[in-house]
Amino acid sequence: MTVRPGEHVALLLDDANTDPAAVGEEPLRVRPGRAGEVGAGLAFGDGPHRCPGAHIALLETDVFLSRLFALDGVRMSGEPRVAFQEAIGGYEIRGLTVALPRAGHG
């Protein structure tokens, strides 16, 4: 489709991740394993339904975590589990816990 200068485009965002051609059968059913079957539909998606704000959300997360751990006394209280998740084509972090300094102890 060609969109000419000055033309308007209506985006039906509610339907973005419910296209059976892109995410498989029963697109409204919660099926966490679906991403491994079709390569889209979870997290920021991929292919034709890749979230247009994914890069901004990842940058925001990076800024938040960088600033959080730069605060005096804030630290991880244990080792998180980091693993590559084939279903989403990326890494996941589980069990990340943060310790805060006690009041009056810096």
N, C-alpha and C. Protein backbone atom coordinates (compact mmCIF):
# COMPACT_ATOMS: atom_id res chain seq x y z
N MET A 1 0.85 -1.16 0.00
CA MET A 1 0.00 0.00 0.00
C MET A 1 0.90 1.23 0.00
N THR A 2 0.57 2.19 -0.79
CA THR A 2 1.30 3.45 -0.83
C THR A 2 0.50 4.51 -0.10
N VAL A 3 1.14 5.20 0.83
CA VAL A 3 0.51 6.30 1.55
C VAL A 3 1.14 7.58 1.03
N ARG A 4 0.31 8.41 0.44
CA ARG A 4 0.81 9.64 -0.15
C ARG A 4 0.86 10.75 0.89
N PRO A 5 1.75 11.73 0.70
CA PRO A 5 1.82 12.85 1.64
C PRO A 5 0.45 13.48 1.84
N GLY A 6 0.11 13.73 3.09
CA GLY A 6 -1.16 14.35 3.43
C GLY A 6 -2.28 13.36 3.70
N GLU A 7 -2.11 12.10 3.31
CA GLU A 7 -3.14 11.09 3.58
C GLU A 7 -3.05 10.64 5.03
N HIS A 8 -4.16 10.19 5.56
CA HIS A 8 -4.22 9.71 6.94
C HIS A 8 -4.30 8.20 6.94
N VAL A 9 -3.72 7.60 7.96
CA VAL A 9 -3.75 6.15 8.12
C VAL A 9 -4.36 5.84 9.47
N ALA A 10 -5.36 4.96 9.50
CA ALA A 10 -5.97 4.53 10.75
C ALA A 10 -5.31 3.23 11.18
N LEU A 11 -4.78 3.21 12.40
CA LEU A 11 -4.16 2.01 12.95
C LEU A 11 -5.10 1.39 13.97
N LEU A 12 -5.44 0.14 13.77
CA LEU A 12 -6.32 -0.57 14.69
C LEU A 12 -5.45 -1.34 15.69
N LEU A 13 -4.95 -0.62 16.70
CA LEU A 13 -4.02 -1.21 17.64
C LEU A 13 -4.62 -2.35 18.45
N ASP A 14 -5.92 -2.31 18.69
CA ASP A 14 -6.55 -3.41 19.43
C ASP A 14 -6.40 -4.74 18.70
N ASP A 15 -6.28 -4.70 17.39
CA ASP A 15 -6.18 -5.91 16.59
C ASP A 15 -4.74 -6.32 16.31
N ALA A 16 -3.77 -5.54 16.78
CA ALA A 16 -2.37 -5.75 16.40
C ALA A 16 -1.86 -7.15 16.69
N ASN A 17 -2.21 -7.72 17.81
CA ASN A 17 -1.70 -9.06 18.15
C ASN A 17 -2.78 -10.12 18.13
N THR A 18 -3.83 -9.90 17.35
CA THR A 18 -4.90 -10.90 17.26
C THR A 18 -5.14 -11.36 15.84
N ASP A 19 -4.17 -11.20 14.99
CA ASP A 19 -4.27 -11.64 13.60
C ASP A 19 -3.82 -13.09 13.52
N PRO A 20 -4.75 -14.03 13.28
CA PRO A 20 -4.37 -15.44 13.23
C PRO A 20 -3.26 -15.73 12.21
N ALA A 21 -3.18 -14.96 11.15
CA ALA A 21 -2.13 -15.19 10.15
C ALA A 21 -0.75 -14.89 10.73
N ALA A 22 -0.68 -14.01 11.73
CA ALA A 22 0.60 -13.64 12.31
C ALA A 22 0.91 -14.37 13.61
N VAL A 23 -0.11 -14.65 14.44
CA VAL A 23 0.14 -15.24 15.76
C VAL A 23 -0.47 -16.62 15.95
N GLY A 24 -1.04 -17.20 14.92
CA GLY A 24 -1.56 -18.55 15.02
C GLY A 24 -3.02 -18.61 15.44
N GLU A 25 -3.50 -19.84 15.54
CA GLU A 25 -4.90 -20.07 15.89
C GLU A 25 -5.22 -19.55 17.29
N GLU A 26 -6.48 -19.22 17.51
CA GLU A 26 -6.97 -18.73 18.79
C GLU A 26 -6.11 -17.59 19.33
N PRO A 27 -6.02 -16.48 18.59
CA PRO A 27 -5.12 -15.39 18.99
C PRO A 27 -5.47 -14.71 20.32
N LEU A 28 -6.71 -14.85 20.80
CA LEU A 28 -7.09 -14.22 22.06
C LEU A 28 -6.85 -15.12 23.27
N ARG A 29 -6.51 -16.38 23.03
CA ARG A 29 -6.27 -17.32 24.12
C ARG A 29 -4.85 -17.12 24.66
N VAL A 30 -4.70 -17.10 25.98
CA VAL A 30 -3.38 -16.96 26.59
C VAL A 30 -2.63 -18.28 26.44
N ARG A 31 -1.56 -18.24 25.67
CA ARG A 31 -0.74 -19.42 25.43
C ARG A 31 0.72 -18.99 25.43
N PRO A 32 1.39 -18.98 26.59
CA PRO A 32 2.77 -18.50 26.67
C PRO A 32 3.74 -19.20 25.72
N GLY A 33 3.50 -20.43 25.36
CA GLY A 33 4.39 -21.15 24.46
C GLY A 33 4.22 -20.77 23.00
N ARG A 34 3.23 -19.94 22.71
CA ARG A 34 2.91 -19.56 21.33
C ARG A 34 4.11 -18.95 20.60
N ALA A 35 4.92 -18.15 21.28
CA ALA A 35 6.03 -17.47 20.63
C ALA A 35 6.97 -18.46 19.96
N GLY A 36 7.17 -19.61 20.58
CA GLY A 36 8.02 -20.62 19.97
C GLY A 36 7.42 -21.20 18.70
N GLU A 37 6.10 -21.15 18.60
CA GLU A 37 5.41 -21.69 17.43
C GLU A 37 5.40 -20.71 16.27
N VAL A 38 5.17 -19.42 16.58
CA VAL A 38 4.97 -18.44 15.51
C VAL A 38 5.99 -17.32 15.50
N GLY A 39 6.82 -17.21 16.54
CA GLY A 39 7.85 -16.18 16.58
C GLY A 39 7.34 -14.78 16.88
N ALA A 40 6.13 -14.67 17.38
CA ALA A 40 5.58 -13.34 17.70
C ALA A 40 4.49 -13.51 18.75
N GLY A 41 4.04 -12.40 19.29
CA GLY A 41 2.90 -12.43 20.18
C GLY A 41 3.20 -12.25 21.64
N LEU A 42 4.44 -12.26 22.05
CA LEU A 42 4.78 -12.04 23.45
C LEU A 42 5.78 -10.90 23.56
N ALA A 43 5.89 -10.36 24.73
CA ALA A 43 6.82 -9.25 24.98
C ALA A 43 6.58 -8.14 23.96
N PHE A 44 7.59 -7.83 23.17
CA PHE A 44 7.45 -6.77 22.17
C PHE A 44 7.10 -7.34 20.81
N GLY A 45 6.88 -8.64 20.72
CA GLY A 45 6.52 -9.24 19.45
C GLY A 45 7.68 -9.24 18.48
N ASP A 46 7.36 -9.53 17.26
CA ASP A 46 8.38 -9.57 16.21
C ASP A 46 7.66 -9.57 14.89
N GLY A 47 8.41 -9.43 13.84
CA GLY A 47 7.83 -9.47 12.50
C GLY A 47 6.80 -8.38 12.30
N PRO A 48 5.66 -8.72 11.67
CA PRO A 48 4.68 -7.70 11.32
C PRO A 48 4.03 -7.02 12.53
N HIS A 49 4.14 -7.63 13.70
CA HIS A 49 3.50 -7.06 14.87
C HIS A 49 4.50 -6.59 15.92
N ARG A 50 5.72 -6.30 15.50
CA ARG A 50 6.74 -5.77 16.42
C ARG A 50 6.25 -4.46 17.01
N CYS A 51 6.35 -4.32 18.31
CA CYS A 51 5.90 -3.12 19.00
C CYS A 51 6.73 -1.92 18.52
N PRO A 52 6.07 -0.87 18.02
CA PRO A 52 6.84 0.28 17.54
C PRO A 52 7.55 1.03 18.66
N GLY A 53 7.17 0.81 19.91
CA GLY A 53 7.81 1.49 21.03
C GLY A 53 8.82 0.63 21.76
N ALA A 54 9.15 -0.55 21.22
CA ALA A 54 10.04 -1.48 21.91
C ALA A 54 11.39 -0.85 22.24
N HIS A 55 11.98 -0.15 21.30
CA HIS A 55 13.30 0.43 21.54
C HIS A 55 13.25 1.48 22.66
N ILE A 56 12.17 2.26 22.68
CA ILE A 56 12.02 3.28 23.72
C ILE A 56 11.83 2.61 25.08
N ALA A 57 11.03 1.56 25.14
CA ALA A 57 10.80 0.86 26.41
C ALA A 57 12.08 0.23 26.93
N LEU A 58 12.89 -0.32 26.05
CA LEU A 58 14.16 -0.91 26.48
C LEU A 58 15.12 0.17 26.97
N LEU A 59 15.15 1.31 26.29
CA LEU A 59 15.99 2.42 26.73
C LEU A 59 15.54 2.93 28.10
N GLU A 60 14.22 3.07 28.29
CA GLU A 60 13.69 3.51 29.59
C GLU A 60 14.10 2.53 30.69
N THR A 61 14.03 1.25 30.41
CA THR A 61 14.42 0.24 31.39
C THR A 61 15.89 0.37 31.74
N ASP A 62 16.73 0.56 30.73
CA ASP A 62 18.16 0.73 30.95
C ASP A 62 18.44 1.96 31.81
N VAL A 63 17.80 3.08 31.50
CA VAL A 63 17.99 4.31 32.27
C VAL A 63 17.53 4.09 33.71
N PHE A 64 16.35 3.49 33.89
CA PHE A 64 15.82 3.25 35.24
C PHE A 64 16.77 2.41 36.07
N LEU A 65 17.19 1.25 35.52
CA LEU A 65 18.05 0.35 36.30
C LEU A 65 19.42 0.98 36.56
N SER A 66 19.96 1.70 35.60
CA SER A 66 21.25 2.37 35.79
C SER A 66 21.16 3.39 36.92
N ARG A 67 20.11 4.18 36.92
CA ARG A 67 19.95 5.19 37.98
C ARG A 67 19.62 4.56 39.33
N LEU A 68 18.81 3.50 39.32
CA LEU A 68 18.47 2.82 40.57
C LEU A 68 19.73 2.31 41.25
N PHE A 69 20.57 1.58 40.51
CA PHE A 69 21.76 0.98 41.11
C PHE A 69 22.87 2.00 41.36
N ALA A 70 22.72 3.21 40.85
CA ALA A 70 23.68 4.28 41.14
C ALA A 70 23.38 4.96 42.47
N LEU A 71 22.18 4.73 43.04
CA LEU A 71 21.82 5.32 44.33
C LEU A 71 22.66 4.70 45.44
N ASP A 72 23.09 5.53 46.36
CA ASP A 72 23.93 5.09 47.46
C ASP A 72 23.22 4.02 48.29
N GLY A 73 23.85 2.87 48.42
CA GLY A 73 23.32 1.81 49.27
C GLY A 73 22.38 0.83 48.58
N VAL A 74 21.92 1.13 47.38
CA VAL A 74 21.03 0.21 46.67
C VAL A 74 21.89 -0.85 45.98
N ARG A 75 21.53 -2.10 46.19
CA ARG A 75 22.32 -3.19 45.61
C ARG A 75 21.44 -4.41 45.38
N MET A 76 21.93 -5.33 44.58
CA MET A 76 21.24 -6.61 44.43
C MET A 76 21.50 -7.42 45.69
N SER A 77 20.48 -8.10 46.18
CA SER A 77 20.65 -8.88 47.40
C SER A 77 20.96 -10.35 47.11
N GLY A 78 21.05 -10.69 45.88
CA GLY A 78 21.39 -12.06 45.48
C GLY A 78 21.59 -12.12 43.98
N GLU A 79 22.10 -13.22 43.52
CA GLU A 79 22.34 -13.39 42.09
C GLU A 79 21.02 -13.73 41.37
N PRO A 80 20.64 -12.94 40.36
CA PRO A 80 19.46 -13.30 39.58
C PRO A 80 19.80 -14.43 38.61
N ARG A 81 18.78 -15.09 38.12
CA ARG A 81 18.96 -16.12 37.09
C ARG A 81 18.80 -15.44 35.73
N VAL A 82 19.79 -15.58 34.89
CA VAL A 82 19.75 -15.00 33.55
C VAL A 82 19.85 -16.16 32.56
N ALA A 83 18.94 -16.19 31.60
CA ALA A 83 18.93 -17.27 30.62
C ALA A 83 18.43 -16.75 29.28
N PHE A 84 18.90 -17.37 28.22
CA PHE A 84 18.38 -17.04 26.89
C PHE A 84 17.08 -17.79 26.71
N GLN A 85 16.06 -17.09 26.29
CA GLN A 85 14.73 -17.66 26.13
C GLN A 85 14.44 -17.77 24.63
N GLU A 86 14.52 -18.98 24.10
CA GLU A 86 14.31 -19.20 22.67
C GLU A 86 12.96 -18.68 22.20
N ALA A 87 11.93 -18.82 23.05
CA ALA A 87 10.57 -18.45 22.65
C ALA A 87 10.45 -16.97 22.30
N ILE A 88 11.26 -16.13 22.94
CA ILE A 88 11.18 -14.69 22.66
C ILE A 88 12.42 -14.17 21.94
N GLY A 89 13.39 -15.05 21.72
CA GLY A 89 14.60 -14.63 21.02
C GLY A 89 15.42 -13.62 21.79
N GLY A 90 15.41 -13.73 23.12
CA GLY A 90 16.17 -12.78 23.94
C GLY A 90 16.40 -13.32 25.33
N TYR A 91 17.00 -12.50 26.15
CA TYR A 91 17.32 -12.90 27.51
C TYR A 91 16.20 -12.56 28.48
N GLU A 92 16.12 -13.32 29.54
CA GLU A 92 15.19 -13.03 30.62
C GLU A 92 15.96 -13.04 31.93
N ILE A 93 15.50 -12.22 32.86
CA ILE A 93 16.09 -12.16 34.20
C ILE A 93 14.99 -12.55 35.18
N ARG A 94 15.30 -13.51 36.03
CA ARG A 94 14.34 -13.97 37.04
C ARG A 94 15.00 -13.87 38.41
N GLY A 95 14.20 -13.55 39.41
CA GLY A 95 14.68 -13.54 40.78
C GLY A 95 15.60 -12.38 41.13
N LEU A 96 15.45 -11.26 40.44
CA LEU A 96 16.25 -10.08 40.76
C LEU A 96 15.63 -9.39 41.98
N THR A 97 16.32 -9.38 43.08
CA THR A 97 15.84 -8.69 44.28
C THR A 97 16.82 -7.59 44.64
N VAL A 98 16.27 -6.49 45.14
CA VAL A 98 17.05 -5.31 45.45
C VAL A 98 17.00 -5.05 46.94
N ALA A 99 18.15 -4.74 47.52
CA ALA A 99 18.24 -4.38 48.94
C ALA A 99 18.40 -2.87 49.03
N LEU A 100 17.65 -2.29 49.94
CA LEU A 100 17.72 -0.84 50.18
C LEU A 100 18.43 -0.60 51.51
N PRO A 101 19.11 0.54 51.63
CA PRO A 101 19.76 0.83 52.92
C PRO A 101 18.69 1.08 53.98
N ARG A 102 18.97 0.68 55.19
CA ARG A 102 18.04 0.94 56.30
C ARG A 102 18.06 2.43 56.64
N ALA A 103 16.93 2.95 57.04
CA ALA A 103 16.84 4.36 57.40
C ALA A 103 17.88 4.70 58.45
N GLY A 104 18.61 5.79 58.21
CA GLY A 104 19.61 6.26 59.16
C GLY A 104 20.95 5.55 59.03
N HIS A 105 21.04 4.60 58.08
CA HIS A 105 22.31 3.86 57.90
C HIS A 105 22.95 4.13 56.54
N GLY A 106 22.57 5.25 55.85
CA GLY A 106 23.17 5.64 54.57
C GLY A 106 22.93 4.65 53.55
